[in-house]
Amino acid sequence: MTITAIDASATLIVLDLQAAAAAAPAIEPVPAVAARVAELADAFRAHARPVVLVRVAGTAPGRTDAGDPAGLTLPDEYTQFLPELRAAESDHTVTKNSWGALGRTGLLDDLDERGITQIVLTGVSTSQAVESTARAAYDHGFHVTIATDGITDVDEAAHHHALAHTFPRIAETGTIAEIIAALDA
């Protein structure tokens, strides 16, 4: 768990901290996570670094063994960002219908056009949206940083597995305070 640097071209990506997640039986209450993430977003804005707020509006169309509903669309009230995030007009918003934020959203092209070299990830859920986005970002050559106290999950075992086994192989991890300190350095 070491943050070596926050690149001058880093962007913060906040995943799925929205009304649909607020009442989920997560390891830690999602609104509390969103309040901490807001501190990180404020720090990124203060350093004139981009903040991307990603909302999930539905599910991917494919069939699964779990029987998850394919192609489901969430009602608009479930896709609203949590007020704890203190979203700013300068934030870029992205809507997705899958776990990851980089596929079929245009975000990857936007990051490339802006010359982004590093993404800092926060949000829910650790084992789905965060891990999927982190893996794709790593595969596309980005430096990936994950705020360990800016993520949560409904599955404690999956959350801890990602933190202990997956993220160290594809990202640097650290707390929001450590990321802010690196950003200020």
N, C-alpha and C. Protein backbone atom coordinates (compact mmCIF):
# COMPACT_ATOMS: atom_id res chain seq x y z
N MET A 1 0.84 -1.18 0.00
CA MET A 1 0.00 0.00 0.00
C MET A 1 0.88 1.24 0.00
N THR A 2 1.29 1.62 -1.18
CA THR A 2 2.16 2.77 -1.30
C THR A 2 1.73 3.61 -2.49
N ILE A 3 1.58 4.88 -2.25
CA ILE A 3 1.31 5.82 -3.33
C ILE A 3 2.64 6.49 -3.65
N THR A 4 3.19 6.22 -4.84
CA THR A 4 4.48 6.82 -5.17
C THR A 4 4.33 8.23 -5.73
N ALA A 5 3.28 8.45 -6.51
CA ALA A 5 3.08 9.77 -7.11
C ALA A 5 1.67 9.88 -7.68
N ILE A 6 1.23 11.12 -7.77
CA ILE A 6 0.01 11.42 -8.52
C ILE A 6 0.47 12.27 -9.70
N ASP A 7 0.29 11.75 -10.90
CA ASP A 7 0.75 12.42 -12.11
C ASP A 7 0.07 13.78 -12.29
N ALA A 8 0.77 14.67 -12.96
CA ALA A 8 0.19 15.98 -13.28
C ALA A 8 -1.04 15.83 -14.17
N SER A 9 -1.13 14.70 -14.87
CA SER A 9 -2.28 14.46 -15.76
C SER A 9 -3.23 13.40 -15.20
N ALA A 10 -3.27 13.27 -13.89
CA ALA A 10 -4.16 12.29 -13.26
C ALA A 10 -5.60 12.80 -13.26
N THR A 11 -6.53 11.86 -13.29
CA THR A 11 -7.94 12.18 -13.14
C THR A 11 -8.55 11.27 -12.09
N LEU A 12 -9.53 11.79 -11.37
CA LEU A 12 -10.27 11.01 -10.39
C LEU A 12 -11.53 10.47 -11.05
N ILE A 13 -11.75 9.17 -10.91
CA ILE A 13 -12.97 8.55 -11.43
C ILE A 13 -13.75 8.00 -10.24
N VAL A 14 -14.97 8.48 -10.10
CA VAL A 14 -15.87 8.09 -9.00
C VAL A 14 -16.95 7.20 -9.59
N LEU A 15 -17.01 5.96 -9.10
CA LEU A 15 -17.90 4.96 -9.70
C LEU A 15 -19.15 4.69 -8.87
N ASP A 16 -20.30 4.96 -9.46
CA ASP A 16 -21.61 4.47 -9.00
C ASP A 16 -22.01 4.90 -7.59
N LEU A 17 -21.52 6.03 -7.12
CA LEU A 17 -21.95 6.54 -5.81
C LEU A 17 -23.24 7.33 -6.06
N GLN A 18 -24.32 6.58 -6.16
CA GLN A 18 -25.61 7.10 -6.59
C GLN A 18 -26.72 6.54 -5.72
N ALA A 19 -27.91 7.03 -5.93
CA ALA A 19 -29.06 6.66 -5.10
C ALA A 19 -29.28 5.16 -5.03
N ALA A 20 -29.11 4.45 -6.13
CA ALA A 20 -29.34 3.01 -6.14
C ALA A 20 -28.43 2.27 -5.16
N ALA A 21 -27.25 2.82 -4.89
CA ALA A 21 -26.28 2.16 -4.00
C ALA A 21 -26.43 2.59 -2.55
N ALA A 22 -27.13 3.67 -2.29
CA ALA A 22 -27.17 4.26 -0.95
C ALA A 22 -27.68 3.32 0.13
N ALA A 23 -28.64 2.50 -0.19
CA ALA A 23 -29.24 1.63 0.82
C ALA A 23 -28.68 0.20 0.78
N ALA A 24 -27.70 -0.04 -0.08
CA ALA A 24 -27.14 -1.39 -0.19
C ALA A 24 -26.51 -1.81 1.13
N PRO A 25 -26.61 -3.08 1.47
CA PRO A 25 -26.01 -3.57 2.71
C PRO A 25 -24.50 -3.75 2.56
N ALA A 26 -23.81 -2.67 2.33
CA ALA A 26 -22.37 -2.70 2.07
C ALA A 26 -21.59 -2.86 3.37
N ILE A 27 -20.32 -3.21 3.22
CA ILE A 27 -19.41 -3.34 4.35
C ILE A 27 -19.43 -2.06 5.17
N GLU A 28 -19.41 -0.95 4.47
CA GLU A 28 -19.51 0.37 5.08
C GLU A 28 -20.63 1.11 4.36
N PRO A 29 -21.43 1.90 5.07
CA PRO A 29 -22.52 2.61 4.40
C PRO A 29 -22.00 3.47 3.23
N VAL A 30 -22.65 3.32 2.11
CA VAL A 30 -22.22 4.01 0.89
C VAL A 30 -22.22 5.53 1.07
N PRO A 31 -23.20 6.15 1.74
CA PRO A 31 -23.13 7.61 1.92
C PRO A 31 -21.88 8.06 2.70
N ALA A 32 -21.42 7.25 3.65
CA ALA A 32 -20.20 7.59 4.38
C ALA A 32 -18.98 7.53 3.46
N VAL A 33 -18.94 6.54 2.59
CA VAL A 33 -17.86 6.45 1.61
C VAL A 33 -17.91 7.66 0.68
N ALA A 34 -19.10 8.02 0.23
CA ALA A 34 -19.26 9.17 -0.67
C ALA A 34 -18.78 10.46 -0.01
N ALA A 35 -19.02 10.62 1.27
CA ALA A 35 -18.57 11.83 1.98
C ALA A 35 -17.05 11.91 1.99
N ARG A 36 -16.37 10.78 2.19
CA ARG A 36 -14.90 10.78 2.14
C ARG A 36 -14.39 11.04 0.73
N VAL A 37 -15.05 10.43 -0.25
CA VAL A 37 -14.66 10.62 -1.65
C VAL A 37 -14.80 12.10 -2.03
N ALA A 38 -15.79 12.78 -1.47
CA ALA A 38 -15.97 14.21 -1.75
C ALA A 38 -14.74 15.01 -1.36
N GLU A 39 -14.07 14.63 -0.27
CA GLU A 39 -12.84 15.32 0.14
C GLU A 39 -11.76 15.15 -0.93
N LEU A 40 -11.66 13.94 -1.48
CA LEU A 40 -10.68 13.69 -2.54
C LEU A 40 -11.04 14.45 -3.80
N ALA A 41 -12.32 14.48 -4.15
CA ALA A 41 -12.77 15.22 -5.33
C ALA A 41 -12.47 16.71 -5.16
N ASP A 42 -12.71 17.25 -3.96
CA ASP A 42 -12.39 18.66 -3.71
C ASP A 42 -10.91 18.92 -3.90
N ALA A 43 -10.06 18.00 -3.45
CA ALA A 43 -8.61 18.16 -3.61
C ALA A 43 -8.23 18.13 -5.09
N PHE A 44 -8.82 17.23 -5.86
CA PHE A 44 -8.53 17.18 -7.30
C PHE A 44 -8.96 18.49 -7.97
N ARG A 45 -10.13 18.98 -7.63
CA ARG A 45 -10.61 20.24 -8.22
C ARG A 45 -9.68 21.39 -7.84
N ALA A 46 -9.23 21.43 -6.59
CA ALA A 46 -8.34 22.51 -6.12
C ALA A 46 -7.01 22.50 -6.89
N HIS A 47 -6.61 21.33 -7.37
CA HIS A 47 -5.37 21.21 -8.15
C HIS A 47 -5.65 21.24 -9.65
N ALA A 48 -6.85 21.64 -10.02
CA ALA A 48 -7.26 21.74 -11.43
C ALA A 48 -7.08 20.42 -12.17
N ARG A 49 -7.37 19.32 -11.48
CA ARG A 49 -7.32 17.99 -12.09
C ARG A 49 -8.76 17.53 -12.30
N PRO A 50 -9.02 16.82 -13.38
CA PRO A 50 -10.39 16.43 -13.70
C PRO A 50 -11.00 15.43 -12.71
N VAL A 51 -12.29 15.57 -12.52
CA VAL A 51 -13.10 14.65 -11.74
C VAL A 51 -14.18 14.10 -12.66
N VAL A 52 -14.27 12.77 -12.74
CA VAL A 52 -15.26 12.11 -13.57
C VAL A 52 -16.22 11.35 -12.65
N LEU A 53 -17.49 11.69 -12.73
CA LEU A 53 -18.52 11.00 -11.97
C LEU A 53 -19.23 10.03 -12.90
N VAL A 54 -19.21 8.75 -12.55
CA VAL A 54 -19.79 7.71 -13.38
C VAL A 54 -21.02 7.15 -12.69
N ARG A 55 -22.10 7.08 -13.43
CA ARG A 55 -23.33 6.47 -12.91
C ARG A 55 -23.66 5.24 -13.74
N VAL A 56 -24.24 4.26 -13.09
CA VAL A 56 -24.72 3.08 -13.80
C VAL A 56 -26.23 3.26 -13.99
N ALA A 57 -26.69 3.08 -15.22
CA ALA A 57 -28.11 3.27 -15.53
C ALA A 57 -28.81 1.97 -15.89
N GLY A 58 -28.06 0.87 -15.89
CA GLY A 58 -28.67 -0.41 -16.22
C GLY A 58 -27.63 -1.50 -16.25
N THR A 59 -28.04 -2.63 -16.76
CA THR A 59 -27.15 -3.79 -16.82
C THR A 59 -26.79 -4.11 -18.26
N ALA A 60 -25.69 -4.83 -18.40
CA ALA A 60 -25.27 -5.29 -19.72
C ALA A 60 -26.28 -6.29 -20.27
N PRO A 61 -26.31 -6.47 -21.58
CA PRO A 61 -27.33 -7.32 -22.18
C PRO A 61 -27.08 -8.82 -22.09
N GLY A 62 -25.90 -9.25 -21.68
CA GLY A 62 -25.56 -10.67 -21.72
C GLY A 62 -26.20 -11.52 -20.64
N ARG A 63 -26.34 -12.80 -20.94
CA ARG A 63 -26.87 -13.77 -19.98
C ARG A 63 -25.76 -14.18 -19.01
N THR A 64 -26.15 -14.54 -17.78
CA THR A 64 -25.19 -14.99 -16.77
C THR A 64 -25.73 -16.20 -16.02
N ASP A 65 -24.83 -16.97 -15.43
CA ASP A 65 -25.25 -18.09 -14.58
C ASP A 65 -25.98 -17.59 -13.34
N ALA A 66 -25.65 -16.38 -12.89
CA ALA A 66 -26.29 -15.83 -11.69
C ALA A 66 -27.74 -15.43 -11.95
N GLY A 67 -28.12 -15.38 -13.22
CA GLY A 67 -29.49 -15.03 -13.54
C GLY A 67 -29.79 -13.55 -13.40
N ASP A 68 -28.74 -12.73 -13.38
CA ASP A 68 -28.96 -11.30 -13.30
C ASP A 68 -29.78 -10.82 -14.49
N PRO A 69 -30.64 -9.84 -14.29
CA PRO A 69 -31.49 -9.38 -15.39
C PRO A 69 -30.67 -8.71 -16.49
N ALA A 70 -30.72 -9.25 -17.68
CA ALA A 70 -29.98 -8.70 -18.81
C ALA A 70 -30.71 -7.49 -19.38
N GLY A 71 -29.96 -6.42 -19.64
CA GLY A 71 -30.52 -5.24 -20.27
C GLY A 71 -31.48 -4.45 -19.42
N LEU A 72 -31.41 -4.57 -18.12
CA LEU A 72 -32.28 -3.83 -17.20
C LEU A 72 -31.93 -2.34 -17.24
N THR A 73 -32.92 -1.48 -17.20
CA THR A 73 -32.71 -0.04 -17.11
C THR A 73 -33.22 0.45 -15.76
N LEU A 74 -32.38 1.19 -15.06
CA LEU A 74 -32.76 1.73 -13.75
C LEU A 74 -33.63 2.97 -13.91
N PRO A 75 -34.58 3.18 -13.03
CA PRO A 75 -35.35 4.43 -13.05
C PRO A 75 -34.42 5.62 -12.78
N ASP A 76 -34.75 6.77 -13.34
CA ASP A 76 -33.90 7.96 -13.21
C ASP A 76 -33.55 8.30 -11.76
N GLU A 77 -34.52 8.12 -10.84
CA GLU A 77 -34.25 8.51 -9.45
C GLU A 77 -33.15 7.65 -8.83
N TYR A 78 -32.90 6.46 -9.36
CA TYR A 78 -31.84 5.61 -8.83
C TYR A 78 -30.46 5.98 -9.38
N THR A 79 -30.43 6.77 -10.44
CA THR A 79 -29.14 7.12 -11.07
C THR A 79 -28.59 8.46 -10.61
N GLN A 80 -29.27 9.11 -9.69
CA GLN A 80 -28.82 10.42 -9.20
C GLN A 80 -27.62 10.26 -8.28
N PHE A 81 -26.60 11.11 -8.48
CA PHE A 81 -25.42 11.05 -7.62
C PHE A 81 -25.80 11.43 -6.20
N LEU A 82 -25.14 10.81 -5.24
CA LEU A 82 -25.42 11.10 -3.84
C LEU A 82 -25.03 12.53 -3.50
N PRO A 83 -25.83 13.23 -2.73
CA PRO A 83 -25.51 14.62 -2.38
C PRO A 83 -24.20 14.74 -1.60
N GLU A 84 -23.81 13.69 -0.90
CA GLU A 84 -22.55 13.71 -0.14
C GLU A 84 -21.34 13.94 -1.04
N LEU A 85 -21.47 13.66 -2.33
CA LEU A 85 -20.35 13.85 -3.27
C LEU A 85 -20.05 15.32 -3.55
N ARG A 86 -21.02 16.17 -3.33
CA ARG A 86 -20.86 17.60 -3.64
C ARG A 86 -20.39 17.79 -5.09
N ALA A 87 -21.11 17.18 -6.03
CA ALA A 87 -20.77 17.28 -7.45
C ALA A 87 -20.66 18.74 -7.86
N ALA A 88 -19.68 19.01 -8.71
CA ALA A 88 -19.44 20.37 -9.21
C ALA A 88 -19.79 20.44 -10.69
N GLU A 89 -20.09 21.64 -11.15
CA GLU A 89 -20.41 21.83 -12.57
C GLU A 89 -19.24 21.46 -13.46
N SER A 90 -18.02 21.58 -12.95
CA SER A 90 -16.84 21.25 -13.74
C SER A 90 -16.61 19.76 -13.89
N ASP A 91 -17.30 18.94 -13.11
CA ASP A 91 -17.13 17.49 -13.20
C ASP A 91 -17.68 16.96 -14.51
N HIS A 92 -16.98 16.00 -15.05
CA HIS A 92 -17.43 15.31 -16.26
C HIS A 92 -18.28 14.12 -15.81
N THR A 93 -19.43 13.91 -16.41
CA THR A 93 -20.28 12.78 -16.04
C THR A 93 -20.35 11.76 -17.17
N VAL A 94 -20.42 10.52 -16.77
CA VAL A 94 -20.48 9.41 -17.71
C VAL A 94 -21.59 8.46 -17.23
N THR A 95 -22.35 7.94 -18.18
CA THR A 95 -23.38 6.95 -17.86
C THR A 95 -22.99 5.64 -18.51
N LYS A 96 -23.11 4.56 -17.72
CA LYS A 96 -22.73 3.24 -18.24
C LYS A 96 -23.84 2.23 -17.99
N ASN A 97 -23.78 1.15 -18.74
CA ASN A 97 -24.72 0.03 -18.58
C ASN A 97 -23.93 -1.28 -18.47
N SER A 98 -22.89 -1.23 -17.67
CA SER A 98 -22.04 -2.40 -17.44
C SER A 98 -21.25 -2.15 -16.17
N TRP A 99 -20.44 -3.12 -15.78
CA TRP A 99 -19.65 -2.94 -14.56
C TRP A 99 -18.58 -1.86 -14.73
N GLY A 100 -17.80 -1.95 -15.80
CA GLY A 100 -16.66 -1.05 -15.99
C GLY A 100 -17.03 0.26 -16.65
N ALA A 101 -16.23 1.27 -16.37
CA ALA A 101 -16.50 2.61 -16.90
C ALA A 101 -15.80 2.89 -18.23
N LEU A 102 -14.89 2.03 -18.66
CA LEU A 102 -14.12 2.34 -19.86
C LEU A 102 -14.68 1.73 -21.14
N GLY A 103 -15.55 0.77 -21.03
CA GLY A 103 -16.11 0.13 -22.22
C GLY A 103 -17.43 0.75 -22.64
N ARG A 104 -17.55 1.08 -23.89
CA ARG A 104 -18.79 1.56 -24.50
C ARG A 104 -19.36 2.83 -23.86
N THR A 105 -18.51 3.66 -23.28
CA THR A 105 -18.98 4.91 -22.68
C THR A 105 -18.37 6.15 -23.32
N GLY A 106 -17.30 5.97 -24.10
CA GLY A 106 -16.57 7.11 -24.66
C GLY A 106 -15.53 7.66 -23.70
N LEU A 107 -15.51 7.17 -22.45
CA LEU A 107 -14.56 7.70 -21.46
C LEU A 107 -13.12 7.41 -21.85
N LEU A 108 -12.83 6.24 -22.37
CA LEU A 108 -11.47 5.90 -22.76
C LEU A 108 -10.94 6.89 -23.80
N ASP A 109 -11.74 7.19 -24.81
CA ASP A 109 -11.33 8.15 -25.83
C ASP A 109 -11.12 9.54 -25.22
N ASP A 110 -12.00 9.93 -24.31
CA ASP A 110 -11.88 11.22 -23.64
C ASP A 110 -10.57 11.30 -22.84
N LEU A 111 -10.24 10.25 -22.11
CA LEU A 111 -9.00 10.23 -21.33
C LEU A 111 -7.79 10.33 -22.25
N ASP A 112 -7.82 9.59 -23.35
CA ASP A 112 -6.71 9.63 -24.32
C ASP A 112 -6.57 11.03 -24.91
N GLU A 113 -7.68 11.66 -25.29
CA GLU A 113 -7.64 13.00 -25.87
C GLU A 113 -7.09 14.03 -24.89
N ARG A 114 -7.36 13.86 -23.60
CA ARG A 114 -6.87 14.79 -22.59
C ARG A 114 -5.43 14.51 -22.17
N GLY A 115 -4.86 13.42 -22.66
CA GLY A 115 -3.49 13.07 -22.30
C GLY A 115 -3.37 12.54 -20.87
N ILE A 116 -4.43 11.94 -20.36
CA ILE A 116 -4.42 11.40 -19.00
C ILE A 116 -3.50 10.19 -18.95
N THR A 117 -2.64 10.13 -17.93
CA THR A 117 -1.73 9.01 -17.76
C THR A 117 -2.05 8.17 -16.52
N GLN A 118 -2.85 8.72 -15.62
CA GLN A 118 -3.16 8.03 -14.37
C GLN A 118 -4.62 8.25 -14.00
N ILE A 119 -5.24 7.18 -13.50
CA ILE A 119 -6.59 7.32 -12.97
C ILE A 119 -6.58 6.89 -11.50
N VAL A 120 -7.30 7.64 -10.70
CA VAL A 120 -7.50 7.33 -9.30
C VAL A 120 -8.95 6.89 -9.17
N LEU A 121 -9.16 5.70 -8.62
CA LEU A 121 -10.50 5.11 -8.57
C LEU A 121 -11.08 5.08 -7.17
N THR A 122 -12.38 5.37 -7.12
CA THR A 122 -13.16 5.26 -5.90
C THR A 122 -14.54 4.76 -6.30
N GLY A 123 -15.33 4.31 -5.31
CA GLY A 123 -16.72 3.99 -5.58
C GLY A 123 -17.14 2.60 -5.16
N VAL A 124 -18.24 2.16 -5.74
CA VAL A 124 -18.83 0.86 -5.46
C VAL A 124 -19.08 0.13 -6.78
N SER A 125 -19.08 -1.11 -6.78
CA SER A 125 -18.58 -1.95 -5.72
C SER A 125 -17.16 -2.37 -6.04
N THR A 126 -16.42 -2.65 -4.98
CA THR A 126 -15.01 -3.02 -5.13
C THR A 126 -14.82 -4.14 -6.13
N SER A 127 -15.59 -5.21 -5.98
CA SER A 127 -15.39 -6.42 -6.79
C SER A 127 -16.04 -6.38 -8.17
N GLN A 128 -16.77 -5.32 -8.44
CA GLN A 128 -17.40 -5.23 -9.75
C GLN A 128 -16.93 -3.97 -10.48
N ALA A 129 -17.53 -2.83 -10.22
CA ALA A 129 -17.20 -1.61 -10.97
C ALA A 129 -15.75 -1.19 -10.80
N VAL A 130 -15.27 -1.19 -9.55
CA VAL A 130 -13.89 -0.73 -9.31
C VAL A 130 -12.90 -1.70 -9.94
N GLU A 131 -13.05 -2.98 -9.65
CA GLU A 131 -12.10 -3.96 -10.20
C GLU A 131 -12.16 -4.01 -11.73
N SER A 132 -13.35 -3.99 -12.31
CA SER A 132 -13.48 -4.02 -13.76
C SER A 132 -12.81 -2.81 -14.41
N THR A 133 -13.05 -1.63 -13.85
CA THR A 133 -12.45 -0.41 -14.40
C THR A 133 -10.94 -0.41 -14.20
N ALA A 134 -10.48 -0.86 -13.04
CA ALA A 134 -9.04 -0.92 -12.77
C ALA A 134 -8.34 -1.86 -13.74
N ARG A 135 -8.92 -3.03 -13.96
CA ARG A 135 -8.30 -3.98 -14.88
C ARG A 135 -8.21 -3.39 -16.30
N ALA A 136 -9.30 -2.80 -16.76
CA ALA A 136 -9.30 -2.22 -18.11
C ALA A 136 -8.31 -1.07 -18.21
N ALA A 137 -8.24 -0.23 -17.19
CA ALA A 137 -7.30 0.89 -17.21
C ALA A 137 -5.87 0.40 -17.25
N TYR A 138 -5.56 -0.59 -16.44
CA TYR A 138 -4.22 -1.18 -16.44
C TYR A 138 -3.90 -1.75 -17.82
N ASP A 139 -4.85 -2.49 -18.40
CA ASP A 139 -4.64 -3.08 -19.72
C ASP A 139 -4.40 -2.02 -20.79
N HIS A 140 -4.98 -0.83 -20.60
CA HIS A 140 -4.81 0.26 -21.57
C HIS A 140 -3.59 1.12 -21.27
N GLY A 141 -2.81 0.76 -20.27
CA GLY A 141 -1.53 1.45 -20.02
C GLY A 141 -1.60 2.61 -19.06
N PHE A 142 -2.68 2.80 -18.35
CA PHE A 142 -2.77 3.87 -17.36
C PHE A 142 -2.09 3.42 -16.06
N HIS A 143 -1.52 4.39 -15.34
CA HIS A 143 -1.15 4.15 -13.96
C HIS A 143 -2.48 4.16 -13.20
N VAL A 144 -2.70 3.17 -12.36
CA VAL A 144 -3.95 3.05 -11.63
C VAL A 144 -3.67 3.19 -10.14
N THR A 145 -4.46 4.01 -9.48
CA THR A 145 -4.37 4.19 -8.04
C THR A 145 -5.77 3.98 -7.48
N ILE A 146 -5.87 3.25 -6.37
CA ILE A 146 -7.17 2.96 -5.78
C ILE A 146 -7.17 3.45 -4.34
N ALA A 147 -8.19 4.25 -4.01
CA ALA A 147 -8.35 4.77 -2.65
C ALA A 147 -9.02 3.69 -1.81
N THR A 148 -8.26 3.06 -0.93
CA THR A 148 -8.76 1.91 -0.18
C THR A 148 -9.91 2.25 0.76
N ASP A 149 -9.98 3.50 1.22
CA ASP A 149 -11.10 3.90 2.08
C ASP A 149 -12.15 4.68 1.30
N GLY A 150 -12.04 4.63 -0.02
CA GLY A 150 -13.02 5.26 -0.91
C GLY A 150 -13.78 4.24 -1.72
N ILE A 151 -13.73 2.97 -1.28
CA ILE A 151 -14.43 1.88 -1.95
C ILE A 151 -15.13 1.02 -0.92
N THR A 152 -16.17 0.34 -1.35
CA THR A 152 -16.86 -0.63 -0.50
C THR A 152 -17.59 -1.63 -1.38
N ASP A 153 -18.14 -2.65 -0.74
CA ASP A 153 -18.77 -3.74 -1.48
C ASP A 153 -19.83 -4.39 -0.59
N VAL A 154 -20.75 -5.09 -1.17
CA VAL A 154 -21.72 -5.85 -0.37
C VAL A 154 -21.15 -7.23 -0.01
N ASP A 155 -20.11 -7.64 -0.68
CA ASP A 155 -19.48 -8.95 -0.45
C ASP A 155 -18.12 -8.74 0.19
N GLU A 156 -18.05 -8.97 1.49
CA GLU A 156 -16.81 -8.70 2.23
C GLU A 156 -15.64 -9.55 1.73
N ALA A 157 -15.87 -10.81 1.44
CA ALA A 157 -14.80 -11.68 0.96
C ALA A 157 -14.26 -11.19 -0.38
N ALA A 158 -15.15 -10.81 -1.28
CA ALA A 158 -14.73 -10.32 -2.60
C ALA A 158 -13.96 -9.00 -2.46
N HIS A 159 -14.42 -8.14 -1.57
CA HIS A 159 -13.75 -6.86 -1.31
C HIS A 159 -12.31 -7.11 -0.84
N HIS A 160 -12.16 -7.97 0.15
CA HIS A 160 -10.83 -8.24 0.70
C HIS A 160 -9.94 -8.98 -0.30
N HIS A 161 -10.53 -9.85 -1.11
CA HIS A 161 -9.74 -10.53 -2.14
C HIS A 161 -9.18 -9.51 -3.14
N ALA A 162 -10.01 -8.59 -3.58
CA ALA A 162 -9.53 -7.57 -4.53
C ALA A 162 -8.40 -6.75 -3.91
N LEU A 163 -8.59 -6.32 -2.66
CA LEU A 163 -7.56 -5.51 -1.99
C LEU A 163 -6.25 -6.28 -1.80
N ALA A 164 -6.35 -7.55 -1.42
CA ALA A 164 -5.15 -8.33 -1.09
C ALA A 164 -4.48 -8.97 -2.29
N HIS A 165 -5.25 -9.33 -3.32
CA HIS A 165 -4.68 -10.13 -4.39
C HIS A 165 -4.72 -9.48 -5.77
N THR A 166 -5.81 -8.82 -6.11
CA THR A 166 -5.92 -8.26 -7.46
C THR A 166 -5.27 -6.89 -7.56
N PHE A 167 -5.66 -5.97 -6.71
CA PHE A 167 -5.19 -4.59 -6.84
C PHE A 167 -3.67 -4.43 -6.75
N PRO A 168 -2.97 -5.15 -5.87
CA PRO A 168 -1.52 -4.97 -5.82
C PRO A 168 -0.81 -5.33 -7.14
N ARG A 169 -1.46 -6.13 -7.97
CA ARG A 169 -0.84 -6.54 -9.24
C ARG A 169 -1.13 -5.57 -10.38
N ILE A 170 -2.13 -4.68 -10.20
CA ILE A 170 -2.51 -3.78 -11.29
C ILE A 170 -2.55 -2.31 -10.89
N ALA A 171 -2.30 -2.03 -9.60
CA ALA A 171 -2.48 -0.65 -9.13
C ALA A 171 -1.63 -0.38 -7.89
N GLU A 172 -1.52 0.90 -7.58
CA GLU A 172 -1.03 1.32 -6.28
C GLU A 172 -2.27 1.58 -5.43
N THR A 173 -2.18 1.28 -4.16
CA THR A 173 -3.31 1.51 -3.28
C THR A 173 -2.89 2.33 -2.08
N GLY A 174 -3.83 3.10 -1.57
CA GLY A 174 -3.58 3.90 -0.38
C GLY A 174 -4.85 4.59 0.04
N THR A 175 -4.78 5.24 1.18
CA THR A 175 -5.95 5.94 1.70
C THR A 175 -6.16 7.26 0.97
N ILE A 176 -7.33 7.82 1.17
CA ILE A 176 -7.62 9.14 0.61
C ILE A 176 -6.64 10.17 1.13
N ALA A 177 -6.31 10.12 2.42
CA ALA A 177 -5.33 11.06 2.98
C ALA A 177 -3.97 10.92 2.32
N GLU A 178 -3.55 9.67 2.04
CA GLU A 178 -2.26 9.46 1.36
C GLU A 178 -2.28 9.97 -0.07
N ILE A 179 -3.40 9.80 -0.73
CA ILE A 179 -3.53 10.30 -2.11
C ILE A 179 -3.50 11.82 -2.12
N ILE A 180 -4.22 12.43 -1.19
CA ILE A 180 -4.22 13.90 -1.11
C ILE A 180 -2.82 14.41 -0.80
N ALA A 181 -2.09 13.76 0.08
CA ALA A 181 -0.73 14.17 0.40
C ALA A 181 0.17 14.07 -0.83
N ALA A 182 0.02 13.00 -1.62
CA ALA A 182 0.80 12.87 -2.86
C ALA A 182 0.39 13.93 -3.88
N LEU A 183 -0.87 14.25 -3.91
CA LEU A 183 -1.37 15.29 -4.82
C LEU A 183 -0.80 16.66 -4.42
N ASP A 184 -0.69 16.90 -3.13
CA ASP A 184 -0.16 18.18 -2.64
C ASP A 184 1.36 18.27 -2.77
N ALA A 185 2.05 17.13 -2.92
CA ALA A 185 3.53 17.12 -2.95
C ALA A 185 4.08 17.80 -4.19
